[in-house]
């Protein structure tokens, strides 16, 4: 895209929930003076909040991926354009994509979000690859008899309850290193979730941490033990990781070195959000 475009660009990096809504609102208000460009690496919008269920319950996985082609159809033509690409670097006046393409901007919105351990998010970029991943995961869940969910946050709880609800005869265990399930939410939610787990017959182990093997847990359906920090061993034939989120801050690193040029002072940022 040329820097000599008729209108200056407002670039939104990341087309998930926040980024796509930001592009919609900005495009609706700024179309007269600016071009709004949404840059997204995936071919389709990923409905992340439903991913745990699609990883368990078959025949619905295609609904996890929504086309960007009609997302902004209700706006005036040209208000928002979607550009597929992966941003590798953010500079003072432009973003650089894989393949060394660059897109200039006057204003920039960074909505790169976070990465979750699959199946909480995808390691693929296209709808067919995502559907194939979910179908393979569904088959692994169907074949397994002793399933351990490592992590008792929102994703871990949804995975465990969906599995036990859909396959009541399977053994399902949640291992969580905190004293409460879904500890990032209101404390009272723990009691509600714990009661539902007990009702479904899900074993919950709190204040203990799983030891992750260097190469990960077996995925061939064989039986193995999940070792905990306490020394306890849990027999399993499938272990599903649900260990939280990591910020997608890699494109910010060039603009944060030296720290003087970082758009957010490092002293004001949470440690987990620091990009350098």
Protein backbone atom coordinates (compact mmCIF):
# COMPACT_ATOMS: atom_id res chain seq x y z
CA UNK A 1 0.00 0.00 0.00
CA UNK A 2 1.38 3.36 -0.98
CA UNK A 3 2.12 6.18 1.41
CA UNK A 4 0.61 8.54 -1.19
CA UNK A 5 -2.94 7.25 -0.65
CA UNK A 6 -5.61 9.91 -0.86
CA UNK A 7 -6.45 9.60 2.83
CA UNK A 8 -4.05 8.82 5.68
CA UNK A 9 -4.40 5.43 7.32
CA UNK A 10 -5.67 4.42 10.71
CA UNK A 11 -4.23 0.93 11.17
CA UNK A 12 -5.70 -1.58 13.59
CA UNK A 13 -3.40 -4.54 14.25
CA UNK A 14 -5.33 -7.62 15.33
CA UNK A 15 -8.82 -8.62 14.26
CA UNK A 16 -10.19 -10.49 17.25
CA UNK A 17 -12.99 -9.15 19.46
CA UNK A 18 -11.32 -5.88 20.46
CA UNK A 19 -9.59 -5.14 17.18
CA UNK A 20 -12.58 -5.80 14.93
CA UNK A 21 -14.86 -3.69 17.13
CA UNK A 22 -12.29 -0.90 17.22
CA UNK A 23 -12.05 -0.96 13.41
CA UNK A 24 -15.84 -0.88 13.13
CA UNK A 25 -16.25 2.11 15.45
CA UNK A 26 -13.32 4.04 13.99
CA UNK A 27 -14.35 3.35 10.40
CA UNK A 28 -17.90 4.52 11.08
CA UNK A 29 -16.69 7.86 12.46
CA UNK A 30 -13.51 8.56 10.48
CA UNK A 31 -14.34 7.43 6.94
CA UNK A 32 -14.47 11.01 5.60
CA UNK A 33 -10.88 11.84 6.56
CA UNK A 34 -9.07 8.50 7.02
CA UNK A 35 -8.86 4.98 5.67
CA UNK A 36 -9.27 2.35 8.41
CA UNK A 37 -7.24 -0.79 7.75
CA UNK A 38 -7.63 -3.90 9.87
CA UNK A 39 -4.59 -6.19 9.69
CA UNK A 40 -5.21 -9.78 10.74
CA UNK A 41 -3.14 -12.93 10.21
CA UNK A 42 -6.10 -15.34 10.22
CA UNK A 43 -8.35 -15.88 7.22
CA UNK A 44 -11.41 -15.92 9.50
CA UNK A 45 -12.52 -14.36 12.76
CA UNK A 46 -11.88 -16.86 15.56
CA UNK A 47 -14.76 -17.22 18.03
CA UNK A 48 -12.35 -17.92 20.89
CA UNK A 49 -14.86 -18.05 23.70
CA UNK A 50 -16.46 -21.13 22.16
CA UNK A 51 -13.21 -22.92 21.31
CA UNK A 52 -13.25 -25.21 24.39
CA UNK A 53 -16.67 -26.53 23.43
CA UNK A 54 -15.78 -27.02 19.78
CA UNK A 55 -12.74 -28.99 20.96
CA UNK A 56 -15.07 -31.48 22.68
CA UNK A 57 -18.48 -31.57 20.99
CA UNK A 58 -18.41 -32.74 17.35
CA UNK A 59 -20.20 -31.39 14.26
CA UNK A 60 -20.11 -27.72 15.26
CA UNK A 61 -16.45 -26.82 14.73
CA UNK A 62 -17.13 -24.97 11.45
CA UNK A 63 -19.01 -22.34 13.46
CA UNK A 64 -15.81 -21.33 15.22
CA UNK A 65 -14.57 -19.40 12.17
CA UNK A 66 -16.48 -16.45 10.75
CA UNK A 67 -15.60 -14.66 7.49
CA UNK A 68 -14.23 -11.14 7.58
CA UNK A 69 -15.73 -10.47 4.15
CA UNK A 70 -19.13 -9.44 5.56
CA UNK A 71 -18.07 -8.14 8.97
CA UNK A 72 -18.20 -4.48 7.95
CA UNK A 73 -20.89 -4.70 5.27
CA UNK A 74 -23.21 -2.47 7.32
CA UNK A 75 -20.75 0.43 7.05
CA UNK A 76 -20.31 2.71 4.07
CA UNK A 77 -18.22 1.13 1.28
CA UNK A 78 -14.52 1.54 1.96
CA UNK A 79 -14.97 2.57 5.60
CA UNK A 80 -12.92 -0.44 6.73
CA UNK A 81 -10.69 -2.69 4.66
CA UNK A 82 -9.26 -5.98 5.90
CA UNK A 83 -5.67 -6.83 5.01
CA UNK A 84 -4.47 -10.34 5.75
CA UNK A 85 -0.92 -10.44 7.05
CA UNK A 86 1.29 -10.97 10.07
CA UNK A 87 2.84 -7.86 11.60
CA UNK A 88 6.47 -8.45 12.52
CA UNK A 89 7.52 -4.94 13.50
CA UNK A 90 5.90 -1.66 14.53
CA UNK A 91 7.78 1.49 13.58
CA UNK A 92 7.07 5.13 14.35
CA UNK A 93 5.05 5.70 11.16
CA UNK A 94 4.39 2.26 9.69
CA UNK A 95 3.89 -1.41 10.41
CA UNK A 96 6.04 -4.05 8.73
CA UNK A 97 4.53 -7.37 7.67
CA UNK A 98 6.06 -10.70 6.78
CA UNK A 99 7.53 -10.46 3.33
CA UNK A 100 8.81 -6.94 4.09
CA UNK A 101 5.58 -5.24 3.01
CA UNK A 102 4.87 -2.11 5.04
CA UNK A 103 1.72 -0.08 5.62
CA UNK A 104 2.03 3.56 6.77
CA UNK A 105 -0.26 4.98 9.40
CA UNK A 106 -1.18 8.27 10.98
CA UNK A 107 -2.85 6.57 13.93
CA UNK A 108 -2.28 3.05 15.20
CA UNK A 109 -4.40 0.74 17.35
CA UNK A 110 -2.63 -2.32 18.76
CA UNK A 111 -5.10 -5.09 19.55
CA UNK A 112 -2.89 -8.15 19.21
CA UNK A 113 -4.44 -9.84 22.22
CA UNK A 114 -3.03 -12.91 23.89
CA UNK A 115 -2.13 -16.51 23.08
CA UNK A 116 -3.69 -19.40 24.96
CA UNK A 117 -2.53 -22.98 24.96
CA UNK A 118 -4.51 -24.95 22.34
CA UNK A 119 -7.37 -25.65 22.18
CA UNK A 120 -7.92 -22.22 23.76
CA UNK A 121 -6.47 -20.65 20.63
CA UNK A 122 -5.29 -21.89 17.25
CA UNK A 123 -1.75 -22.50 16.06
CA UNK A 124 -3.07 -22.40 12.48
CA UNK A 125 -4.24 -19.45 10.36
CA UNK A 126 -6.98 -20.86 8.12
CA UNK A 127 -10.47 -22.24 8.62
CA UNK A 128 -9.80 -25.69 7.04
CA UNK A 129 -6.74 -26.16 9.28
CA UNK A 130 -8.72 -25.06 12.34
CA UNK A 131 -11.59 -27.43 11.56
CA UNK A 132 -9.12 -30.30 11.11
CA UNK A 133 -7.50 -29.48 14.46
CA UNK A 134 -10.83 -29.48 16.31
CA UNK A 135 -11.93 -32.73 14.71
CA UNK A 136 -8.67 -34.43 15.72
CA UNK A 137 -9.05 -33.07 19.26
CA UNK A 138 -12.65 -34.29 19.46
CA UNK A 139 -11.52 -37.77 18.44
CA UNK A 140 -8.79 -37.77 21.09
CA UNK A 141 -11.34 -36.80 23.75
CA UNK A 142 -13.78 -39.46 22.54
CA UNK A 143 -11.15 -42.22 22.72
CA UNK A 144 -9.70 -41.21 26.09
CA UNK A 145 -11.03 -42.60 29.38
CA UNK A 146 -8.92 -40.74 31.95
CA UNK A 147 -8.58 -37.05 31.13
CA UNK A 148 -6.61 -34.52 33.15
CA UNK A 149 -7.18 -30.82 32.56
CA UNK A 150 -4.14 -28.80 33.62
CA UNK A 151 -5.40 -25.39 34.67
CA UNK A 152 -8.62 -24.40 36.42
CA UNK A 153 -9.30 -21.03 34.84
CA UNK A 154 -12.23 -20.30 32.54
CA UNK A 155 -10.95 -22.47 29.67
CA UNK A 156 -10.03 -25.38 31.91
CA UNK A 157 -13.38 -25.37 33.69
CA UNK A 158 -15.32 -25.21 30.42
CA UNK A 159 -13.30 -28.05 28.92
CA UNK A 160 -13.79 -30.22 32.00
CA UNK A 161 -17.52 -29.58 32.37
CA UNK A 162 -18.23 -30.01 28.65
CA UNK A 163 -16.31 -33.29 28.55
CA UNK A 164 -18.04 -34.69 31.62
CA UNK A 165 -21.45 -33.48 30.48
CA UNK A 166 -21.04 -34.98 27.00
CA UNK A 167 -19.18 -38.12 28.17
CA UNK A 168 -20.41 -38.81 31.73
CA UNK A 169 -18.60 -42.14 32.02
CA UNK A 170 -15.12 -40.65 31.53
CA UNK A 171 -12.83 -39.79 34.43
CA UNK A 172 -12.06 -36.04 34.40
CA UNK A 173 -9.69 -34.29 36.79
CA UNK A 174 -8.80 -30.58 37.04
CA UNK A 175 -5.39 -29.70 38.47
CA UNK A 176 -5.08 -26.05 39.51
CA UNK A 177 -2.21 -24.41 41.41
CA UNK A 178 -4.41 -21.78 43.09
CA UNK A 179 -6.75 -22.16 46.09
CA UNK A 180 -9.81 -21.34 43.97
CA UNK A 181 -11.08 -22.32 40.54
CA UNK A 182 -11.34 -19.39 38.12
CA UNK A 183 -9.33 -17.35 40.61
CA UNK A 184 -9.28 -14.25 38.38
CA UNK A 185 -13.02 -13.83 38.86
CA UNK A 186 -15.21 -13.01 41.88
CA UNK A 187 -14.40 -15.37 44.78
CA UNK A 188 -18.03 -16.51 45.00
CA UNK A 189 -17.75 -18.03 41.53
CA UNK A 190 -15.47 -20.73 42.92
CA UNK A 191 -18.28 -22.12 45.07
CA UNK A 192 -20.69 -22.18 42.11
CA UNK A 193 -18.20 -23.86 39.78
CA UNK A 194 -17.06 -26.32 42.45
CA UNK A 195 -20.65 -27.36 43.10
CA UNK A 196 -21.20 -27.99 39.40
CA UNK A 197 -17.99 -30.01 39.17
CA UNK A 198 -19.08 -32.12 42.11
CA UNK A 199 -22.50 -32.62 40.53
CA UNK A 200 -20.88 -33.86 37.30
CA UNK A 201 -18.36 -36.04 39.14
CA UNK A 202 -15.23 -34.06 38.21
CA UNK A 203 -12.27 -34.46 40.55
CA UNK A 204 -10.71 -31.11 41.47
CA UNK A 205 -7.19 -30.80 42.89
CA UNK A 206 -6.28 -27.32 44.15
CA UNK A 207 -3.03 -25.83 45.47
CA UNK A 208 -0.98 -28.27 43.44
CA UNK A 209 0.90 -27.96 40.19
CA UNK A 210 1.43 -30.46 37.38
CA UNK A 211 4.98 -31.15 36.29
CA UNK A 212 5.07 -30.77 32.52
CA UNK A 213 7.53 -33.14 30.78
CA UNK A 214 10.09 -31.39 28.54
CA UNK A 215 8.50 -32.89 25.44
CA UNK A 216 4.94 -32.56 26.68
CA UNK A 217 2.52 -35.32 27.59
CA UNK A 218 1.93 -38.33 25.31
CA UNK A 219 -0.73 -37.85 22.64
CA UNK A 220 -0.90 -41.40 21.28
CA UNK A 221 -3.62 -42.62 23.64
CA UNK A 222 -1.24 -44.58 25.86
CA UNK A 223 -1.60 -44.52 29.63
CA UNK A 224 0.79 -42.31 31.61
CA UNK A 225 0.98 -40.53 34.97
CA UNK A 226 0.60 -36.80 35.49
CA UNK A 227 3.05 -36.03 38.27
CA UNK A 228 2.19 -33.20 40.67
CA UNK A 229 4.51 -31.00 42.69
CA UNK A 230 3.15 -32.66 45.83
CA UNK A 231 4.42 -36.02 44.60
CA UNK A 232 0.98 -37.32 43.75
CA UNK A 233 0.51 -39.18 40.45
CA UNK A 234 -2.72 -39.12 38.42
CA UNK A 235 -3.24 -41.88 35.81
CA UNK A 236 -4.27 -40.45 32.45
CA UNK A 237 -4.48 -41.23 28.76
CA UNK A 238 -5.06 -37.60 27.73
CA UNK A 239 -3.80 -34.37 29.28
CA UNK A 240 -5.18 -31.05 28.02
CA UNK A 241 -3.30 -27.86 28.76
CA UNK A 242 -5.34 -24.84 29.90
CA UNK A 243 -2.59 -22.82 31.53
CA UNK A 244 -3.58 -19.24 30.80
CA UNK A 245 -2.56 -16.47 28.43
CA UNK A 246 0.61 -14.86 27.06
CA UNK A 247 0.48 -11.35 25.54
CA UNK A 248 1.19 -11.12 21.79
CA UNK A 249 3.71 -8.32 22.30
CA UNK A 250 6.47 -9.43 19.91
CA UNK A 251 5.79 -6.72 17.25
CA UNK A 252 6.28 -4.06 19.94
CA UNK A 253 9.84 -5.01 20.78
CA UNK A 254 11.57 -2.89 18.14
CA UNK A 255 9.77 0.26 19.27
CA UNK A 256 10.68 -0.50 22.88
CA UNK A 257 14.42 -0.62 22.30
CA UNK A 258 15.87 1.48 23.72
CA UNK A 259 13.16 1.79 26.41
CA UNK A 260 13.09 5.58 25.89
CA UNK A 261 11.03 5.02 22.73
CA UNK A 262 8.57 2.59 24.29
CA UNK A 263 5.01 4.00 23.90
CA UNK A 264 4.19 2.83 27.44
CA UNK A 265 6.77 3.52 30.18
CA UNK A 266 7.95 0.15 31.42
CA UNK A 267 7.66 1.31 35.02
CA UNK A 268 3.91 1.81 34.45
CA UNK A 269 3.28 -1.55 32.83
CA UNK A 270 2.38 -4.78 34.54
CA UNK A 271 5.35 -7.21 34.42
CA UNK A 272 3.38 -9.68 32.28
CA UNK A 273 2.65 -6.96 29.72
CA UNK A 274 6.18 -5.64 29.33
CA UNK A 275 7.47 -6.18 25.83
CA UNK A 276 11.20 -5.75 26.49
